[in-house]
Amino acid sequence: MLATSWEPLSITKGTPIAFPEAGPCAGQGVTQRMAAISVLVDAWDEGVWARPASPSEARTLSIGAGSIVTVVERSYFAGELVVEAADIIVPAESTKLVCTGPVGDNTTPAP
């Protein structure tokens, strides 16, 4: 898998989450890390599609040139602010992607 993510330095600079794989929140998901600095993530979206791998992607993923990869573009939001954006690329022929998430508050009956 190739994964590249970006978080706004204007939010994380000088905080314990400035380096996602270091510090007291190392390895935690974006929602937990952002909550640690009082930024509440309230939404996410993903775009998913297939395309041929670039030559460098094929080399890095150890797949044949032109093999099909699945691309996931994911963003996390706190209100209108994007707090993390990620590009994830996996070989389509050998990877199953499963996405799950909460469906809301299921303790309150619908009106």
N, C-alpha and C. Protein backbone atom coordinates (compact mmCIF):
# COMPACT_ATOMS: atom_id res chain seq x y z
N MET A 1 0.85 -1.17 0.00
CA MET A 1 0.00 0.00 0.00
C MET A 1 0.89 1.24 0.00
N LEU A 2 0.47 2.23 -0.75
CA LEU A 2 1.11 3.54 -0.70
C LEU A 2 0.11 4.48 -0.04
N ALA A 3 0.51 5.18 0.96
CA ALA A 3 -0.38 6.13 1.63
C ALA A 3 0.38 7.41 1.90
N THR A 4 -0.22 8.52 1.50
CA THR A 4 0.33 9.84 1.75
C THR A 4 -0.77 10.68 2.36
N SER A 5 -0.47 11.33 3.47
CA SER A 5 -1.50 12.19 4.07
C SER A 5 -0.91 13.54 4.43
N TRP A 6 -1.80 14.50 4.50
CA TRP A 6 -1.42 15.88 4.82
C TRP A 6 -2.34 16.39 5.90
N GLU A 7 -1.77 17.12 6.84
CA GLU A 7 -2.53 17.81 7.87
C GLU A 7 -2.05 19.26 7.90
N PRO A 8 -2.96 20.21 8.07
CA PRO A 8 -2.55 21.62 8.05
C PRO A 8 -1.60 21.96 9.19
N LEU A 9 -0.43 22.45 8.84
CA LEU A 9 0.54 22.87 9.84
C LEU A 9 -0.02 24.01 10.69
N SER A 10 -0.92 24.79 10.10
CA SER A 10 -1.53 25.88 10.87
C SER A 10 -2.33 25.36 12.06
N ILE A 11 -2.74 24.11 12.02
CA ILE A 11 -3.47 23.49 13.14
C ILE A 11 -2.54 22.72 14.06
N THR A 12 -1.59 21.98 13.47
CA THR A 12 -0.79 21.05 14.27
C THR A 12 0.54 21.58 14.77
N LYS A 13 1.05 22.65 14.17
CA LYS A 13 2.38 23.17 14.55
C LYS A 13 2.43 23.49 16.05
N GLY A 14 3.47 22.96 16.69
CA GLY A 14 3.68 23.23 18.10
C GLY A 14 2.79 22.43 19.04
N THR A 15 2.05 21.47 18.51
CA THR A 15 1.16 20.65 19.35
C THR A 15 1.75 19.25 19.50
N PRO A 16 1.21 18.46 20.42
CA PRO A 16 1.69 17.07 20.59
C PRO A 16 1.40 16.18 19.39
N ILE A 17 0.57 16.63 18.42
CA ILE A 17 0.25 15.80 17.27
C ILE A 17 0.94 16.27 16.00
N ALA A 18 1.89 17.17 16.12
CA ALA A 18 2.57 17.71 14.94
C ALA A 18 3.22 16.61 14.11
N PHE A 19 3.66 15.54 14.75
CA PHE A 19 4.24 14.39 14.06
C PHE A 19 3.37 13.19 14.38
N PRO A 20 2.50 12.78 13.44
CA PRO A 20 1.49 11.75 13.72
C PRO A 20 2.02 10.42 14.23
N GLU A 21 3.25 10.07 13.89
CA GLU A 21 3.79 8.79 14.34
C GLU A 21 4.75 8.93 15.52
N ALA A 22 4.72 10.09 16.17
CA ALA A 22 5.56 10.31 17.35
C ALA A 22 4.72 11.01 18.41
N GLY A 23 5.23 11.03 19.62
CA GLY A 23 4.55 11.74 20.70
C GLY A 23 3.45 10.92 21.35
N PRO A 24 2.69 11.55 22.25
CA PRO A 24 1.72 10.82 23.07
C PRO A 24 0.54 10.25 22.28
N CYS A 25 0.30 10.73 21.08
CA CYS A 25 -0.83 10.24 20.27
C CYS A 25 -0.36 9.41 19.08
N ALA A 26 0.88 8.97 19.11
CA ALA A 26 1.46 8.23 17.99
C ALA A 26 0.59 7.03 17.61
N GLY A 27 0.33 6.93 16.31
CA GLY A 27 -0.39 5.77 15.81
C GLY A 27 -1.90 5.84 15.95
N GLN A 28 -2.42 6.84 16.62
CA GLN A 28 -3.86 6.97 16.76
C GLN A 28 -4.46 7.53 15.49
N GLY A 29 -5.74 7.32 15.29
CA GLY A 29 -6.43 7.85 14.13
C GLY A 29 -6.54 9.36 14.18
N VAL A 30 -6.87 9.93 13.03
CA VAL A 30 -6.95 11.39 12.93
C VAL A 30 -7.99 11.97 13.89
N THR A 31 -9.12 11.31 14.07
CA THR A 31 -10.15 11.88 14.95
C THR A 31 -9.66 11.95 16.40
N GLN A 32 -8.96 10.91 16.85
CA GLN A 32 -8.44 10.91 18.22
C GLN A 32 -7.32 11.93 18.39
N ARG A 33 -6.43 12.01 17.40
CA ARG A 33 -5.33 12.97 17.51
C ARG A 33 -5.83 14.40 17.48
N MET A 34 -6.77 14.70 16.59
CA MET A 34 -7.31 16.06 16.54
C MET A 34 -8.06 16.41 17.82
N ALA A 35 -8.79 15.46 18.37
CA ALA A 35 -9.51 15.70 19.63
C ALA A 35 -8.53 16.05 20.75
N ALA A 36 -7.32 15.49 20.69
CA ALA A 36 -6.31 15.77 21.71
C ALA A 36 -5.91 17.25 21.72
N ILE A 37 -6.14 17.96 20.61
CA ILE A 37 -5.84 19.40 20.57
C ILE A 37 -7.13 20.22 20.41
N SER A 38 -8.24 19.61 20.83
CA SER A 38 -9.56 20.27 20.85
C SER A 38 -10.10 20.63 19.46
N VAL A 39 -9.72 19.86 18.46
CA VAL A 39 -10.30 20.00 17.12
C VAL A 39 -11.21 18.78 16.93
N LEU A 40 -12.51 19.01 16.79
CA LEU A 40 -13.46 17.91 16.70
C LEU A 40 -13.80 17.60 15.26
N VAL A 41 -13.40 16.43 14.83
CA VAL A 41 -13.69 15.96 13.47
C VAL A 41 -15.15 15.52 13.45
N ASP A 42 -15.92 16.06 12.47
CA ASP A 42 -17.34 15.73 12.44
C ASP A 42 -17.81 15.13 11.12
N ALA A 43 -16.90 14.97 10.16
CA ALA A 43 -17.31 14.36 8.89
C ALA A 43 -16.08 13.87 8.13
N TRP A 44 -16.33 12.97 7.19
CA TRP A 44 -15.27 12.51 6.30
C TRP A 44 -15.91 12.15 4.98
N ASP A 45 -15.11 12.15 3.92
CA ASP A 45 -15.60 11.65 2.64
C ASP A 45 -14.47 10.93 1.93
N GLU A 46 -14.87 10.05 1.01
CA GLU A 46 -13.92 9.29 0.23
C GLU A 46 -14.36 9.24 -1.22
N GLY A 47 -13.39 9.29 -2.08
CA GLY A 47 -13.60 8.99 -3.49
C GLY A 47 -12.77 7.76 -3.81
N VAL A 48 -13.36 6.78 -4.48
CA VAL A 48 -12.67 5.51 -4.77
C VAL A 48 -12.84 5.20 -6.26
N TRP A 49 -11.74 4.85 -6.90
CA TRP A 49 -11.80 4.44 -8.31
C TRP A 49 -10.59 3.59 -8.64
N ALA A 50 -10.62 2.99 -9.83
CA ALA A 50 -9.51 2.16 -10.31
C ALA A 50 -8.86 2.83 -11.51
N ARG A 51 -7.54 2.59 -11.64
CA ARG A 51 -6.78 3.12 -12.78
C ARG A 51 -5.49 2.33 -12.90
N PRO A 52 -4.80 2.44 -14.03
CA PRO A 52 -3.50 1.78 -14.16
C PRO A 52 -2.46 2.43 -13.23
N ALA A 53 -1.59 1.63 -12.68
CA ALA A 53 -0.50 2.13 -11.84
C ALA A 53 0.50 2.90 -12.69
N SER A 54 1.05 3.95 -12.10
CA SER A 54 2.16 4.64 -12.76
C SER A 54 3.39 3.74 -12.66
N PRO A 55 4.41 3.98 -13.47
CA PRO A 55 5.62 3.16 -13.38
C PRO A 55 6.24 3.15 -11.97
N SER A 56 6.29 4.31 -11.31
CA SER A 56 6.90 4.33 -9.96
C SER A 56 6.01 3.62 -8.94
N GLU A 57 4.68 3.75 -9.07
CA GLU A 57 3.77 3.02 -8.17
C GLU A 57 3.93 1.52 -8.36
N ALA A 58 4.01 1.08 -9.61
CA ALA A 58 4.17 -0.35 -9.89
C ALA A 58 5.46 -0.88 -9.26
N ARG A 59 6.55 -0.13 -9.39
CA ARG A 59 7.82 -0.56 -8.78
C ARG A 59 7.68 -0.65 -7.26
N THR A 60 7.14 0.38 -6.65
CA THR A 60 7.03 0.42 -5.19
C THR A 60 6.11 -0.68 -4.67
N LEU A 61 5.03 -0.95 -5.39
CA LEU A 61 4.06 -1.97 -4.96
C LEU A 61 4.44 -3.38 -5.42
N SER A 62 5.53 -3.50 -6.17
CA SER A 62 5.99 -4.79 -6.70
C SER A 62 4.90 -5.47 -7.54
N ILE A 63 4.30 -4.70 -8.43
CA ILE A 63 3.30 -5.23 -9.34
C ILE A 63 3.73 -4.92 -10.77
N GLY A 64 3.12 -5.56 -11.73
CA GLY A 64 3.47 -5.35 -13.12
C GLY A 64 3.13 -3.95 -13.59
N ALA A 65 3.92 -3.44 -14.52
CA ALA A 65 3.66 -2.13 -15.10
C ALA A 65 2.26 -2.13 -15.71
N GLY A 66 1.49 -1.09 -15.43
CA GLY A 66 0.14 -0.98 -15.96
C GLY A 66 -0.91 -1.78 -15.20
N SER A 67 -0.52 -2.47 -14.13
CA SER A 67 -1.50 -3.20 -13.32
C SER A 67 -2.53 -2.22 -12.78
N ILE A 68 -3.71 -2.71 -12.52
CA ILE A 68 -4.77 -1.85 -12.01
C ILE A 68 -4.60 -1.67 -10.50
N VAL A 69 -4.72 -0.42 -10.07
CA VAL A 69 -4.68 -0.09 -8.65
C VAL A 69 -6.01 0.55 -8.26
N THR A 70 -6.34 0.43 -6.99
CA THR A 70 -7.49 1.13 -6.44
C THR A 70 -6.96 2.36 -5.73
N VAL A 71 -7.57 3.50 -6.01
CA VAL A 71 -7.18 4.77 -5.42
C VAL A 71 -8.29 5.23 -4.48
N VAL A 72 -7.90 5.62 -3.28
CA VAL A 72 -8.85 6.18 -2.31
C VAL A 72 -8.35 7.58 -1.96
N GLU A 73 -9.18 8.57 -2.20
CA GLU A 73 -8.90 9.93 -1.73
C GLU A 73 -9.84 10.19 -0.57
N ARG A 74 -9.26 10.41 0.60
CA ARG A 74 -10.05 10.57 1.82
C ARG A 74 -9.75 11.91 2.46
N SER A 75 -10.81 12.56 2.95
CA SER A 75 -10.66 13.83 3.68
C SER A 75 -11.46 13.77 4.96
N TYR A 76 -10.90 14.34 6.02
CA TYR A 76 -11.58 14.50 7.30
C TYR A 76 -11.82 15.98 7.53
N PHE A 77 -12.97 16.31 8.09
CA PHE A 77 -13.37 17.70 8.27
C PHE A 77 -13.72 18.00 9.72
N ALA A 78 -13.44 19.23 10.13
CA ALA A 78 -13.95 19.82 11.37
C ALA A 78 -14.73 21.04 10.88
N GLY A 79 -16.05 20.87 10.77
CA GLY A 79 -16.85 21.90 10.12
C GLY A 79 -16.46 21.97 8.66
N GLU A 80 -16.15 23.16 8.16
CA GLU A 80 -15.74 23.35 6.76
C GLU A 80 -14.24 23.11 6.55
N LEU A 81 -13.49 23.01 7.63
CA LEU A 81 -12.04 22.91 7.57
C LEU A 81 -11.58 21.47 7.33
N VAL A 82 -10.79 21.27 6.28
CA VAL A 82 -10.17 19.97 6.05
C VAL A 82 -9.01 19.84 7.03
N VAL A 83 -9.06 18.83 7.90
CA VAL A 83 -8.00 18.66 8.90
C VAL A 83 -7.04 17.54 8.52
N GLU A 84 -7.42 16.71 7.55
CA GLU A 84 -6.50 15.73 7.01
C GLU A 84 -7.00 15.31 5.64
N ALA A 85 -6.08 15.17 4.70
CA ALA A 85 -6.37 14.63 3.38
C ALA A 85 -5.38 13.52 3.12
N ALA A 86 -5.86 12.42 2.54
CA ALA A 86 -4.98 11.28 2.30
C ALA A 86 -5.24 10.69 0.92
N ASP A 87 -4.18 10.24 0.29
CA ASP A 87 -4.24 9.45 -0.94
C ASP A 87 -3.71 8.06 -0.60
N ILE A 88 -4.50 7.06 -0.89
CA ILE A 88 -4.14 5.67 -0.60
C ILE A 88 -4.22 4.90 -1.92
N ILE A 89 -3.18 4.14 -2.24
CA ILE A 89 -3.13 3.37 -3.48
C ILE A 89 -2.78 1.93 -3.14
N VAL A 90 -3.63 1.00 -3.61
CA VAL A 90 -3.41 -0.42 -3.36
C VAL A 90 -3.58 -1.20 -4.65
N PRO A 91 -2.89 -2.34 -4.78
CA PRO A 91 -3.10 -3.18 -5.95
C PRO A 91 -4.55 -3.70 -5.95
N ALA A 92 -5.28 -3.48 -7.03
CA ALA A 92 -6.69 -3.87 -7.08
C ALA A 92 -6.87 -5.38 -7.08
N GLU A 93 -5.95 -6.10 -7.70
CA GLU A 93 -6.13 -7.55 -7.86
C GLU A 93 -5.96 -8.33 -6.57
N SER A 94 -5.34 -7.74 -5.57
CA SER A 94 -5.06 -8.51 -4.35
C SER A 94 -5.52 -7.82 -3.07
N THR A 95 -6.31 -6.77 -3.20
CA THR A 95 -6.70 -6.01 -2.01
C THR A 95 -8.20 -5.77 -2.00
N LYS A 96 -8.82 -6.09 -0.89
CA LYS A 96 -10.23 -5.79 -0.68
C LYS A 96 -10.31 -4.62 0.30
N LEU A 97 -10.99 -3.57 -0.08
CA LEU A 97 -11.17 -2.42 0.79
C LEU A 97 -12.54 -2.52 1.46
N VAL A 98 -12.57 -2.34 2.77
CA VAL A 98 -13.82 -2.36 3.52
C VAL A 98 -13.90 -1.06 4.30
N CYS A 99 -14.98 -0.31 4.10
CA CYS A 99 -15.16 0.96 4.79
C CYS A 99 -16.38 0.85 5.69
N THR A 100 -16.21 1.23 6.95
CA THR A 100 -17.32 1.20 7.89
C THR A 100 -17.31 2.49 8.69
N GLY A 101 -18.42 2.79 9.31
CA GLY A 101 -18.50 3.97 10.14
C GLY A 101 -19.82 3.98 10.89
N PRO A 102 -19.94 4.86 11.85
CA PRO A 102 -21.17 4.92 12.64
C PRO A 102 -22.33 5.41 11.80
N VAL A 103 -23.53 5.05 12.20
CA VAL A 103 -24.72 5.49 11.48
C VAL A 103 -25.48 6.56 12.25
N GLY A 104 -24.90 7.04 13.31
CA GLY A 104 -25.55 8.09 14.09
C GLY A 104 -26.02 7.57 15.43
N ASP A 105 -26.77 8.38 16.10
CA ASP A 105 -27.28 8.03 17.42
C ASP A 105 -28.49 7.11 17.26
N ASN A 106 -28.29 5.83 17.55
CA ASN A 106 -29.38 4.88 17.39
C ASN A 106 -30.20 4.69 18.67
N THR A 107 -30.04 5.58 19.63
CA THR A 107 -30.80 5.46 20.88
C THR A 107 -32.02 6.38 20.89
N THR A 108 -32.12 7.26 19.90
CA THR A 108 -33.24 8.19 19.83
C THR A 108 -34.14 7.82 18.67
N PRO A 109 -35.44 7.54 18.92
CA PRO A 109 -36.32 7.18 17.81
C PRO A 109 -36.48 8.35 16.84
N ALA A 110 -36.63 8.01 15.57
CA ALA A 110 -36.88 9.03 14.56
C ALA A 110 -38.25 9.65 14.77
N PRO A 111 -38.42 10.95 14.47
CA PRO A 111 -39.74 11.59 14.66
C PRO A 111 -40.76 11.06 13.69
